[in-house]
Each structure stands twice: as C-alpha cells, then as structure tokens.
Amino acid sequence: YKATGGSCGGCSYAGTYSETKCQTGCGDVSQRYYHVPRSWLN
C-alpha cells in the first residue's frame, strides 16, 4: 500500500514534535520488508 499524503520534506529536530512532523517514504510502499526470525529457519 503506497503512502498517500504525508510530508517528507526537511525535518528540523527543534520545536514540538508530532507523529506527522518527520516522515519518509511519501509515495512509496509503507512497508517493504518483513522480518523472518532466524529461530524459525532450518
């Protein structure tokens, strides 16, 4: 599912943070990689 919306411009650490302040991957797949624990593998 590709990210729609969001703001992926520059991100300053200064100033009050919110979950929409510093983002990456706008227009890209929200999650590309899926963890496979080695303990599950032969």
PDB file of all heavy atoms in Angstrom:
ATOM      1  N   TYR A   1       0.870  -1.174   0.000  1.00  0.00           N
ATOM      2  CA  TYR A   1       0.000   0.000   0.000  1.00  0.00           C
ATOM      3  C   TYR A   1       0.908   1.226   0.000  1.00  0.00           C
ATOM      4  O   TYR A   1       1.675   1.447   0.933  1.00  0.00           O
ATOM      5  CB  TYR A   1      -0.864  -0.040   1.260  1.00  0.00           C
ATOM      6  CG  TYR A   1      -2.097   0.827   1.285  1.00  0.00           C
ATOM      7  CD1 TYR A   1      -3.211   0.429   2.031  1.00  0.00           C
ATOM      8  CD2 TYR A   1      -2.167   2.034   0.614  1.00  0.00           C
ATOM      9  CE1 TYR A   1      -4.360   1.206   2.098  1.00  0.00           C
ATOM     10  CE2 TYR A   1      -3.306   2.818   0.671  1.00  0.00           C
ATOM     11  CZ  TYR A   1      -4.399   2.401   1.421  1.00  0.00           C
ATOM     12  OH  TYR A   1      -5.522   3.181   1.481  1.00  0.00           O
ATOM     13  N   LYS A   2       0.827   2.049  -1.033  1.00  0.00           N
ATOM     14  CA  LYS A   2       1.707   3.209  -1.128  1.00  0.00           C
ATOM     15  C   LYS A   2       1.186   4.355  -0.271  1.00  0.00           C
ATOM     16  O   LYS A   2      -0.024   4.566  -0.166  1.00  0.00           O
ATOM     17  CB  LYS A   2       1.857   3.652  -2.583  1.00  0.00           C
ATOM     18  CG  LYS A   2       2.667   2.668  -3.413  1.00  0.00           C
ATOM     19  CD  LYS A   2       3.001   3.234  -4.779  1.00  0.00           C
ATOM     20  CE  LYS A   2       3.893   2.259  -5.552  1.00  0.00           C
ATOM     21  NZ  LYS A   2       4.259   2.788  -6.889  1.00  0.00           N
ATOM     22  N   ALA A   3       2.126   5.055   0.327  1.00  0.00           N
ATOM     23  CA  ALA A   3       1.788   6.162   1.212  1.00  0.00           C
ATOM     24  C   ALA A   3       1.168   7.297   0.410  1.00  0.00           C
ATOM     25  O   ALA A   3       1.744   7.770  -0.569  1.00  0.00           O
ATOM     26  CB  ALA A   3       3.030   6.652   1.950  1.00  0.00           C
ATOM     27  N   THR A   4       0.000   7.705   0.833  1.00  0.00           N
ATOM     28  CA  THR A   4      -0.657   8.861   0.236  1.00  0.00           C
ATOM     29  C   THR A   4      -0.681   9.976   1.268  1.00  0.00           C
ATOM     30  O   THR A   4      -0.921   9.743   2.448  1.00  0.00           O
ATOM     31  CB  THR A   4      -2.088   8.525  -0.192  1.00  0.00           C
ATOM     32  OG1 THR A   4      -2.805   8.009   0.942  1.00  0.00           O
ATOM     33  CG2 THR A   4      -2.091   7.475  -1.286  1.00  0.00           C
ATOM     34  N   GLY A   5      -0.428  11.202   0.830  1.00  0.00           N
ATOM     35  CA  GLY A   5      -0.360  12.294   1.788  1.00  0.00           C
ATOM     36  C   GLY A   5       0.957  12.265   2.536  1.00  0.00           C
ATOM     37  O   GLY A   5       1.943  11.670   2.111  1.00  0.00           O
ATOM     38  N   GLY A   6       0.982  12.896   3.687  1.00  0.00           N
ATOM     39  CA  GLY A   6       2.213  12.979   4.474  1.00  0.00           C
ATOM     40  C   GLY A   6       3.090  14.115   3.983  1.00  0.00           C
ATOM     41  O   GLY A   6       2.843  14.728   2.946  1.00  0.00           O
ATOM     42  N   SER A   7       4.122  14.399   4.756  1.00  0.00           N
ATOM     43  CA  SER A   7       5.072  15.458   4.415  1.00  0.00           C
ATOM     44  C   SER A   7       6.473  14.920   4.625  1.00  0.00           C
ATOM     45  O   SER A   7       6.874  14.629   5.745  1.00  0.00           O
ATOM     46  CB  SER A   7       4.836  16.696   5.293  1.00  0.00           C
ATOM     47  OG  SER A   7       5.793  17.701   5.033  1.00  0.00           O
ATOM     48  N   CYS A   8       7.221  14.766   3.529  1.00  0.00           N
ATOM     49  CA  CYS A   8       8.542  14.158   3.589  1.00  0.00           C
ATOM     50  C   CYS A   8       9.640  15.153   3.222  1.00  0.00           C
ATOM     51  O   CYS A   8      10.674  14.778   2.666  1.00  0.00           O
ATOM     52  CB  CYS A   8       8.604  12.934   2.683  1.00  0.00           C
ATOM     53  SG  CYS A   8       7.548  11.577   3.228  1.00  0.00           S
ATOM     54  N   GLY A   9       9.427  16.415   3.512  1.00  0.00           N
ATOM     55  CA  GLY A   9      10.465  17.408   3.270  1.00  0.00           C
ATOM     56  C   GLY A   9      11.515  17.377   4.366  1.00  0.00           C
ATOM     57  O   GLY A   9      11.662  16.402   5.107  1.00  0.00           O
ATOM     58  N   GLY A  10      12.265  18.471   4.490  1.00  0.00           N
ATOM     59  CA  GLY A  10      13.289  18.543   5.528  1.00  0.00           C
ATOM     60  C   GLY A  10      12.681  18.476   6.913  1.00  0.00           C
ATOM     61  O   GLY A  10      11.527  18.847   7.137  1.00  0.00           O
ATOM     62  N   CYS A  11      13.463  17.985   7.859  1.00  0.00           N
ATOM     63  CA  CYS A  11      12.970  17.813   9.227  1.00  0.00           C
ATOM     64  C   CYS A  11      13.944  18.445  10.210  1.00  0.00           C
ATOM     65  O   CYS A  11      15.091  18.009  10.336  1.00  0.00           O
ATOM     66  CB  CYS A  11      12.796  16.330   9.543  1.00  0.00           C
ATOM     67  SG  CYS A  11      12.373  16.020  11.275  1.00  0.00           S
ATOM     68  N   SER A  12      13.500  19.464  10.912  1.00  0.00           N
ATOM     69  CA  SER A  12      14.308  20.061  11.965  1.00  0.00           C
ATOM     70  C   SER A  12      13.955  19.404  13.293  1.00  0.00           C
ATOM     71  O   SER A  12      12.776  19.190  13.597  1.00  0.00           O
ATOM     72  CB  SER A  12      14.047  21.571  12.051  1.00  0.00           C
ATOM     73  OG  SER A  12      14.652  22.113  13.219  1.00  0.00           O
ATOM     74  N   TYR A  13      14.979  19.082  14.075  1.00  0.00           N
ATOM     75  CA  TYR A  13      14.716  18.478  15.385  1.00  0.00           C
ATOM     76  C   TYR A  13      14.071  19.488  16.331  1.00  0.00           C
ATOM     77  O   TYR A  13      13.413  19.106  17.300  1.00  0.00           O
ATOM     78  CB  TYR A  13      16.029  17.982  16.019  1.00  0.00           C
ATOM     79  CG  TYR A  13      16.903  19.099  16.549  1.00  0.00           C
ATOM     80  CD1 TYR A  13      16.730  19.604  17.826  1.00  0.00           C
ATOM     81  CD2 TYR A  13      17.887  19.668  15.743  1.00  0.00           C
ATOM     82  CE1 TYR A  13      17.527  20.649  18.300  1.00  0.00           C
ATOM     83  CE2 TYR A  13      18.680  20.695  16.201  1.00  0.00           C
ATOM     84  CZ  TYR A  13      18.499  21.185  17.479  1.00  0.00           C
ATOM     85  OH  TYR A  13      19.268  22.215  17.948  1.00  0.00           O
ATOM     86  N   ALA A  14      14.270  20.796  16.074  1.00  0.00           N
ATOM     87  CA  ALA A  14      13.837  21.835  17.005  1.00  0.00           C
ATOM     88  C   ALA A  14      12.342  22.090  16.885  1.00  0.00           C
ATOM     89  O   ALA A  14      11.782  22.067  15.794  1.00  0.00           O
ATOM     90  CB  ALA A  14      14.617  23.123  16.757  1.00  0.00           C
ATOM     91  N   GLY A  15      11.715  22.338  18.004  1.00  0.00           N
ATOM     92  CA  GLY A  15      10.287  22.593  18.030  1.00  0.00           C
ATOM     93  C   GLY A  15       9.497  21.353  18.401  1.00  0.00           C
ATOM     94  O   GLY A  15       9.985  20.229  18.317  1.00  0.00           O
ATOM     95  N   THR A  16       8.272  21.574  18.823  1.00  0.00           N
ATOM     96  CA  THR A  16       7.441  20.490  19.330  1.00  0.00           C
ATOM     97  C   THR A  16       7.219  19.418  18.265  1.00  0.00           C
ATOM     98  O   THR A  16       6.839  19.716  17.131  1.00  0.00           O
ATOM     99  CB  THR A  16       6.086  21.043  19.808  1.00  0.00           C
ATOM    100  OG1 THR A  16       6.319  22.035  20.803  1.00  0.00           O
ATOM    101  CG2 THR A  16       5.221  19.934  20.381  1.00  0.00           C
ATOM    102  N   TYR A  17       7.443  18.182  18.661  1.00  0.00           N
ATOM    103  CA  TYR A  17       7.335  17.055  17.729  1.00  0.00           C
ATOM    104  C   TYR A  17       5.907  16.510  17.726  1.00  0.00           C
ATOM    105  O   TYR A  17       5.209  16.488  18.740  1.00  0.00           O
ATOM    106  CB  TYR A  17       8.297  15.944  18.144  1.00  0.00           C
ATOM    107  CG  TYR A  17       8.191  14.700  17.286  1.00  0.00           C
ATOM    108  CD1 TYR A  17       8.790  14.650  16.027  1.00  0.00           C
ATOM    109  CD2 TYR A  17       7.465  13.589  17.707  1.00  0.00           C
ATOM    110  CE1 TYR A  17       8.672  13.523  15.219  1.00  0.00           C
ATOM    111  CE2 TYR A  17       7.351  12.464  16.912  1.00  0.00           C
ATOM    112  CZ  TYR A  17       7.955  12.441  15.676  1.00  0.00           C
ATOM    113  OH  TYR A  17       7.832  11.332  14.881  1.00  0.00           O
ATOM    114  N   SER A  18       5.467  16.037  16.559  1.00  0.00           N
ATOM    115  CA  SER A  18       4.247  15.239  16.419  1.00  0.00           C
ATOM    116  C   SER A  18       4.541  14.124  15.427  1.00  0.00           C
ATOM    117  O   SER A  18       5.537  14.172  14.693  1.00  0.00           O
ATOM    118  CB  SER A  18       3.075  16.092  15.928  1.00  0.00           C
ATOM    119  OG  SER A  18       3.251  16.439  14.565  1.00  0.00           O
ATOM    120  N   GLU A  19       3.659  13.135  15.366  1.00  0.00           N
ATOM    121  CA  GLU A  19       3.924  11.958  14.533  1.00  0.00           C
ATOM    122  C   GLU A  19       3.939  12.267  13.042  1.00  0.00           C
ATOM    123  O   GLU A  19       4.417  11.456  12.249  1.00  0.00           O
ATOM    124  CB  GLU A  19       2.901  10.855  14.825  1.00  0.00           C
ATOM    125  CG  GLU A  19       1.471  11.188  14.498  1.00  0.00           C
ATOM    126  CD  GLU A  19       0.727  11.862  15.641  1.00  0.00           C
ATOM    127  OE1 GLU A  19       1.399  12.429  16.536  1.00  0.00           O
ATOM    128  OE2 GLU A  19      -0.513  11.824  15.629  1.00  0.00           O
ATOM    129  N   THR A  20       3.437  13.431  12.649  1.00  0.00           N
ATOM    130  CA  THR A  20       3.441  13.793  11.232  1.00  0.00           C
ATOM    131  C   THR A  20       4.562  14.759  10.875  1.00  0.00           C
ATOM    132  O   THR A  20       4.649  15.189   9.718  1.00  0.00           O
ATOM    133  CB  THR A  20       2.086  14.432  10.844  1.00  0.00           C
ATOM    134  OG1 THR A  20       1.879  15.610  11.640  1.00  0.00           O
ATOM    135  CG2 THR A  20       0.936  13.454  11.076  1.00  0.00           C
ATOM    136  N   LYS A  21       5.413  15.093  11.830  1.00  0.00           N
ATOM    137  CA  LYS A  21       6.420  16.129  11.584  1.00  0.00           C
ATOM    138  C   LYS A  21       7.580  15.642  10.727  1.00  0.00           C
ATOM    139  O   LYS A  21       8.016  16.343   9.805  1.00  0.00           O
ATOM    140  CB  LYS A  21       6.948  16.672  12.919  1.00  0.00           C
ATOM    141  CG  LYS A  21       7.977  17.789  12.763  1.00  0.00           C
ATOM    142  CD  LYS A  21       8.488  18.276  14.106  1.00  0.00           C
ATOM    143  CE  LYS A  21       9.527  19.376  13.916  1.00  0.00           C
ATOM    144  NZ  LYS A  21      10.100  19.829  15.200  1.00  0.00           N
ATOM    145  N   CYS A  22       8.129  14.491  11.027  1.00  0.00           N
ATOM    146  CA  CYS A  22       9.329  13.993  10.345  1.00  0.00           C
ATOM    147  C   CYS A  22       9.006  12.632   9.730  1.00  0.00           C
ATOM    148  O   CYS A  22       8.929  11.628  10.454  1.00  0.00           O
ATOM    149  CB  CYS A  22      10.501  13.872  11.321  1.00  0.00           C
ATOM    150  SG  CYS A  22      10.989  15.446  12.070  1.00  0.00           S
ATOM    151  N   GLN A  23       8.824  12.606   8.420  1.00  0.00           N
ATOM    152  CA  GLN A  23       8.401  11.383   7.750  1.00  0.00           C
ATOM    153  C   GLN A  23       9.271  11.100   6.535  1.00  0.00           C
ATOM    154  O   GLN A  23       9.864  12.005   5.950  1.00  0.00           O
ATOM    155  CB  GLN A  23       6.935  11.509   7.299  1.00  0.00           C
ATOM    156  CG  GLN A  23       5.949  11.703   8.436  1.00  0.00           C
ATOM    157  CD  GLN A  23       4.535  11.911   7.925  1.00  0.00           C
ATOM    158  OE1 GLN A  23       4.295  12.671   7.000  1.00  0.00           O
ATOM    159  NE2 GLN A  23       3.579  11.225   8.537  1.00  0.00           N
ATOM    160  N   THR A  24       9.333   9.822   6.178  1.00  0.00           N
ATOM    161  CA  THR A  24       9.986   9.396   4.943  1.00  0.00           C
ATOM    162  C   THR A  24       9.053   8.450   4.199  1.00  0.00           C
ATOM    163  O   THR A  24       8.091   7.933   4.767  1.00  0.00           O
ATOM    164  CB  THR A  24      11.320   8.675   5.221  1.00  0.00           C
ATOM    165  OG1 THR A  24      11.063   7.506   6.022  1.00  0.00           O
ATOM    166  CG2 THR A  24      12.302   9.580   5.948  1.00  0.00           C
ATOM    167  N   GLY A  25       9.355   8.230   2.921  1.00  0.00           N
ATOM    168  CA  GLY A  25       8.607   7.255   2.140  1.00  0.00           C
ATOM    169  C   GLY A  25       7.322   7.758   1.541  1.00  0.00           C
ATOM    170  O   GLY A  25       6.477   6.938   1.143  1.00  0.00           O
ATOM    171  N   CYS A  26       7.132   9.077   1.442  1.00  0.00           N
ATOM    172  CA  CYS A  26       5.914   9.578   0.808  1.00  0.00           C
ATOM    173  C   CYS A  26       5.845   9.080  -0.634  1.00  0.00           C
ATOM    174  O   CYS A  26       6.821   9.171  -1.383  1.00  0.00           O
ATOM    175  CB  CYS A  26       5.900  11.105   0.837  1.00  0.00           C
ATOM    176  SG  CYS A  26       5.777  11.813   2.492  1.00  0.00           S
ATOM    177  N   GLY A  27       4.708   8.525  -1.018  1.00  0.00           N
ATOM    178  CA  GLY A  27       4.537   7.993  -2.360  1.00  0.00           C
ATOM    179  C   GLY A  27       5.133   6.626  -2.576  1.00  0.00           C
ATOM    180  O   GLY A  27       5.031   6.062  -3.670  1.00  0.00           O
ATOM    181  N   ASP A  28       5.749   6.059  -1.546  1.00  0.00           N
ATOM    182  CA  ASP A  28       6.369   4.742  -1.657  1.00  0.00           C
ATOM    183  C   ASP A  28       5.571   3.737  -0.835  1.00  0.00           C
ATOM    184  O   ASP A  28       4.658   4.095  -0.085  1.00  0.00           O
ATOM    185  CB  ASP A  28       7.818   4.813  -1.166  1.00  0.00           C
ATOM    186  CG  ASP A  28       8.684   3.676  -1.722  1.00  0.00           C
ATOM    187  OD1 ASP A  28       8.127   2.796  -2.393  1.00  0.00           O
ATOM    188  OD2 ASP A  28       9.904   3.688  -1.467  1.00  0.00           O
ATOM    189  N   VAL A  29       5.934   2.463  -0.952  1.00  0.00           N
ATOM    190  CA  VAL A  29       5.278   1.412  -0.179  1.00  0.00           C
ATOM    191  C   VAL A  29       5.522   1.651   1.316  1.00  0.00           C
ATOM    192  O   VAL A  29       6.659   1.862   1.735  1.00  0.00           O
ATOM    193  CB  VAL A  29       5.815   0.029  -0.598  1.00  0.00           C
ATOM    194  CG1 VAL A  29       5.269  -1.057   0.299  1.00  0.00           C
ATOM    195  CG2 VAL A  29       5.459  -0.246  -2.054  1.00  0.00           C
ATOM    196  N   SER A  30       4.446   1.613   2.102  1.00  0.00           N
ATOM    197  CA  SER A  30       4.573   1.896   3.533  1.00  0.00           C
ATOM    198  C   SER A  30       5.503   0.906   4.224  1.00  0.00           C
ATOM    199  O   SER A  30       6.317   1.293   5.069  1.00  0.00           O
ATOM    200  CB  SER A  30       3.202   1.876   4.207  1.00  0.00           C
ATOM    201  OG  SER A  30       2.363   2.868   3.665  1.00  0.00           O
ATOM    202  N   GLN A  31       5.370  -0.375   3.933  1.00  0.00           N
ATOM    203  CA  GLN A  31       6.273  -1.388   4.477  1.00  0.00           C
ATOM    204  C   GLN A  31       6.734  -2.295   3.351  1.00  0.00           C
ATOM    205  O   GLN A  31       5.910  -2.954   2.699  1.00  0.00           O
ATOM    206  CB  GLN A  31       5.617  -2.220   5.577  1.00  0.00           C
ATOM    207  CG  GLN A  31       6.597  -3.234   6.178  1.00  0.00           C
ATOM    208  CD  GLN A  31       6.026  -4.041   7.332  1.00  0.00           C
ATOM    209  OE1 GLN A  31       4.962  -3.736   7.861  1.00  0.00           O
ATOM    210  NE2 GLN A  31       6.735  -5.087   7.724  1.00  0.00           N
ATOM    211  N   ARG A  32       8.026  -2.339   3.158  1.00  0.00           N
ATOM    212  CA  ARG A  32       8.612  -3.150   2.087  1.00  0.00           C
ATOM    213  C   ARG A  32       9.155  -4.470   2.616  1.00  0.00           C
ATOM    214  O   ARG A  32       9.024  -5.508   1.966  1.00  0.00           O
ATOM    215  CB  ARG A  32       9.732  -2.371   1.414  1.00  0.00           C
ATOM    216  CG  ARG A  32      10.476  -3.144   0.339  1.00  0.00           C
ATOM    217  CD  ARG A  32      11.486  -2.283  -0.390  1.00  0.00           C
ATOM    218  NE  ARG A  32      12.186  -3.029  -1.427  1.00  0.00           N
ATOM    219  CZ  ARG A  32      13.046  -2.498  -2.289  1.00  0.00           C
ATOM    220  NH1 ARG A  32      13.316  -1.195  -2.224  1.00  0.00           N
ATOM    221  NH2 ARG A  32      13.632  -3.259  -3.211  1.00  0.00           N
ATOM    222  N   TYR A  33       9.777  -4.446   3.807  1.00  0.00           N
ATOM    223  CA  TYR A  33      10.477  -5.617   4.331  1.00  0.00           C
ATOM    224  C   TYR A  33       9.727  -6.220   5.518  1.00  0.00           C
ATOM    225  O   TYR A  33       9.197  -5.492   6.366  1.00  0.00           O
ATOM    226  CB  TYR A  33      11.898  -5.241   4.764  1.00  0.00           C
ATOM    227  CG  TYR A  33      12.741  -4.686   3.630  1.00  0.00           C
ATOM    228  CD1 TYR A  33      13.013  -3.323   3.535  1.00  0.00           C
ATOM    229  CD2 TYR A  33      13.250  -5.529   2.642  1.00  0.00           C
ATOM    230  CE1 TYR A  33      13.781  -2.811   2.494  1.00  0.00           C
ATOM    231  CE2 TYR A  33      14.015  -5.026   1.598  1.00  0.00           C
ATOM    232  CZ  TYR A  33      14.271  -3.663   1.530  1.00  0.00           C
ATOM    233  OH  TYR A  33      15.016  -3.165   0.495  1.00  0.00           O
ATOM    234  N   TYR A  34       9.738  -7.559   5.593  1.00  0.00           N
ATOM    235  CA  TYR A  34       9.016  -8.293   6.626  1.00  0.00           C
ATOM    236  C   TYR A  34       9.972  -9.250   7.327  1.00  0.00           C
ATOM    237  O   TYR A  34      10.578 -10.129   6.703  1.00  0.00           O
ATOM    238  CB  TYR A  34       7.823  -9.030   6.002  1.00  0.00           C
ATOM    239  CG  TYR A  34       6.793  -8.053   5.491  1.00  0.00           C
ATOM    240  CD1 TYR A  34       6.964  -7.410   4.265  1.00  0.00           C
ATOM    241  CD2 TYR A  34       5.685  -7.711   6.263  1.00  0.00           C
ATOM    242  CE1 TYR A  34       6.045  -6.477   3.807  1.00  0.00           C
ATOM    243  CE2 TYR A  34       4.762  -6.777   5.813  1.00  0.00           C
ATOM    244  CZ  TYR A  34       4.942  -6.162   4.591  1.00  0.00           C
ATOM    245  OH  TYR A  34       4.036  -5.229   4.154  1.00  0.00           O
ATOM    246  N   HIS A  35      10.084  -9.071   8.639  1.00  0.00           N
ATOM    247  CA  HIS A  35      11.067  -9.788   9.450  1.00  0.00           C
ATOM    248  C   HIS A  35      10.754 -11.284   9.513  1.00  0.00           C
ATOM    249  O   HIS A  35       9.620 -11.685   9.795  1.00  0.00           O
ATOM    250  CB  HIS A  35      11.058  -9.186  10.854  1.00  0.00           C
ATOM    251  CG  HIS A  35      12.091  -9.745  11.766  1.00  0.00           C
ATOM    252  ND1 HIS A  35      12.014  -9.632  13.145  1.00  0.00           N
ATOM    253  CD2 HIS A  35      13.244 -10.414  11.518  1.00  0.00           C
ATOM    254  CE1 HIS A  35      13.069 -10.213  13.684  1.00  0.00           C
ATOM    255  NE2 HIS A  35      13.824 -10.699  12.724  1.00  0.00           N
ATOM    256  N   VAL A  36      11.784 -12.097   9.259  1.00  0.00           N
ATOM    257  CA  VAL A  36      11.696 -13.554   9.398  1.00  0.00           C
ATOM    258  C   VAL A  36      12.741 -13.958  10.441  1.00  0.00           C
ATOM    259  O   VAL A  36      13.940 -14.008  10.137  1.00  0.00           O
ATOM    260  CB  VAL A  36      11.976 -14.281   8.072  1.00  0.00           C
ATOM    261  CG1 VAL A  36      11.851 -15.795   8.259  1.00  0.00           C
ATOM    262  CG2 VAL A  36      11.030 -13.792   6.979  1.00  0.00           C
ATOM    263  N   PRO A  37      12.344 -14.230  11.680  1.00  0.00           N
ATOM    264  CA  PRO A  37      13.329 -14.579  12.716  1.00  0.00           C
ATOM    265  C   PRO A  37      14.154 -15.801  12.313  1.00  0.00           C
ATOM    266  O   PRO A  37      13.620 -16.791  11.806  1.00  0.00           O
ATOM    267  CB  PRO A  37      12.459 -14.877  13.942  1.00  0.00           C
ATOM    268  CG  PRO A  37      11.199 -14.108  13.702  1.00  0.00           C
ATOM    269  CD  PRO A  37      10.983 -14.158  12.224  1.00  0.00           C
ATOM    270  N   ARG A  38      15.450 -15.726  12.561  1.00  0.00           N
ATOM    271  CA  ARG A  38      16.313 -16.877  12.238  1.00  0.00           C
ATOM    272  C   ARG A  38      15.951 -18.113  13.039  1.00  0.00           C
ATOM    273  O   ARG A  38      16.212 -19.238  12.610  1.00  0.00           O
ATOM    274  CB  ARG A  38      17.778 -16.501  12.460  1.00  0.00           C
ATOM    275  CG  ARG A  38      18.388 -15.753  11.274  1.00  0.00           C
ATOM    276  CD  ARG A  38      19.907 -15.790  11.333  1.00  0.00           C
ATOM    277  NE  ARG A  38      20.511 -15.151  10.167  1.00  0.00           N
ATOM    278  CZ  ARG A  38      20.935 -15.796   9.093  1.00  0.00           C
ATOM    279  NH1 ARG A  38      20.809 -17.110   9.025  1.00  0.00           N
ATOM    280  NH2 ARG A  38      21.490 -15.141   8.085  1.00  0.00           N
ATOM    281  N   SER A  39      15.334 -17.923  14.206  1.00  0.00           N
ATOM    282  CA  SER A  39      14.946 -19.081  15.016  1.00  0.00           C
ATOM    283  C   SER A  39      13.878 -19.915  14.325  1.00  0.00           C
ATOM    284  O   SER A  39      13.643 -21.070  14.700  1.00  0.00           O
ATOM    285  CB  SER A  39      14.445 -18.623  16.387  1.00  0.00           C
ATOM    286  OG  SER A  39      13.317 -17.770  16.254  1.00  0.00           O
ATOM    287  N   TRP A  40      13.218 -19.357  13.315  1.00  0.00           N
ATOM    288  CA  TRP A  40      12.211 -20.104  12.563  1.00  0.00           C
ATOM    289  C   TRP A  40      12.813 -20.907  11.408  1.00  0.00           C
ATOM    290  O   TRP A  40      12.122 -21.706  10.783  1.00  0.00           O
ATOM    291  CB  TRP A  40      11.176 -19.143  11.969  1.00  0.00           C
ATOM    292  CG  TRP A  40      10.319 -18.449  12.977  1.00  0.00           C
ATOM    293  CD1 TRP A  40      10.343 -18.589  14.339  1.00  0.00           C
ATOM    294  CD2 TRP A  40       9.289 -17.492  12.697  1.00  0.00           C
ATOM    295  NE1 TRP A  40       9.402 -17.783  14.925  1.00  0.00           N
ATOM    296  CE2 TRP A  40       8.740 -17.095  13.956  1.00  0.00           C
ATOM    297  CE3 TRP A  40       8.786 -16.936  11.536  1.00  0.00           C
ATOM    298  CZ2 TRP A  40       7.707 -16.166  14.045  1.00  0.00           C
ATOM    299  CZ3 TRP A  40       7.758 -16.015  11.621  1.00  0.00           C
ATOM    300  CH2 TRP A  40       7.227 -15.627  12.868  1.00  0.00           C
ATOM    301  N   LEU A  41      14.082 -20.691  11.114  1.00  0.00           N
ATOM    302  CA  LEU A  41      14.680 -21.244   9.902  1.00  0.00           C
ATOM    303  C   LEU A  41      15.495 -22.500  10.169  1.00  0.00           C
ATOM    304  O   LEU A  41      16.138 -22.632  11.214  1.00  0.00           O
ATOM    305  CB  LEU A  41      15.572 -20.191   9.235  1.00  0.00           C
ATOM    306  CG  LEU A  41      14.889 -18.899   8.779  1.00  0.00           C
ATOM    307  CD1 LEU A  41      15.908 -17.972   8.126  1.00  0.00           C
ATOM    308  CD2 LEU A  41      13.733 -19.198   7.827  1.00  0.00           C
ATOM    309  N   ASN A  42      15.472 -23.392   9.199  1.00  0.00           N
ATOM    310  CA  ASN A  42      16.393 -24.521   9.133  1.00  0.00           C
ATOM    311  C   ASN A  42      17.513 -24.155   8.163  1.00  0.00           C
ATOM    312  O   ASN A  42      17.368 -23.234   7.351  1.00  0.00           O
ATOM    313  CB  ASN A  42      15.663 -25.770   8.620  1.00  0.00           C
ATOM    314  CG  ASN A  42      14.453 -26.108   9.467  1.00  0.00           C
ATOM    315  OD1 ASN A  42      14.529 -26.120  10.685  1.00  0.00           O
ATOM    316  ND2 ASN A  42      13.323 -26.369   8.807  1.00  0.00           N
TER     317      ASN A  42
END
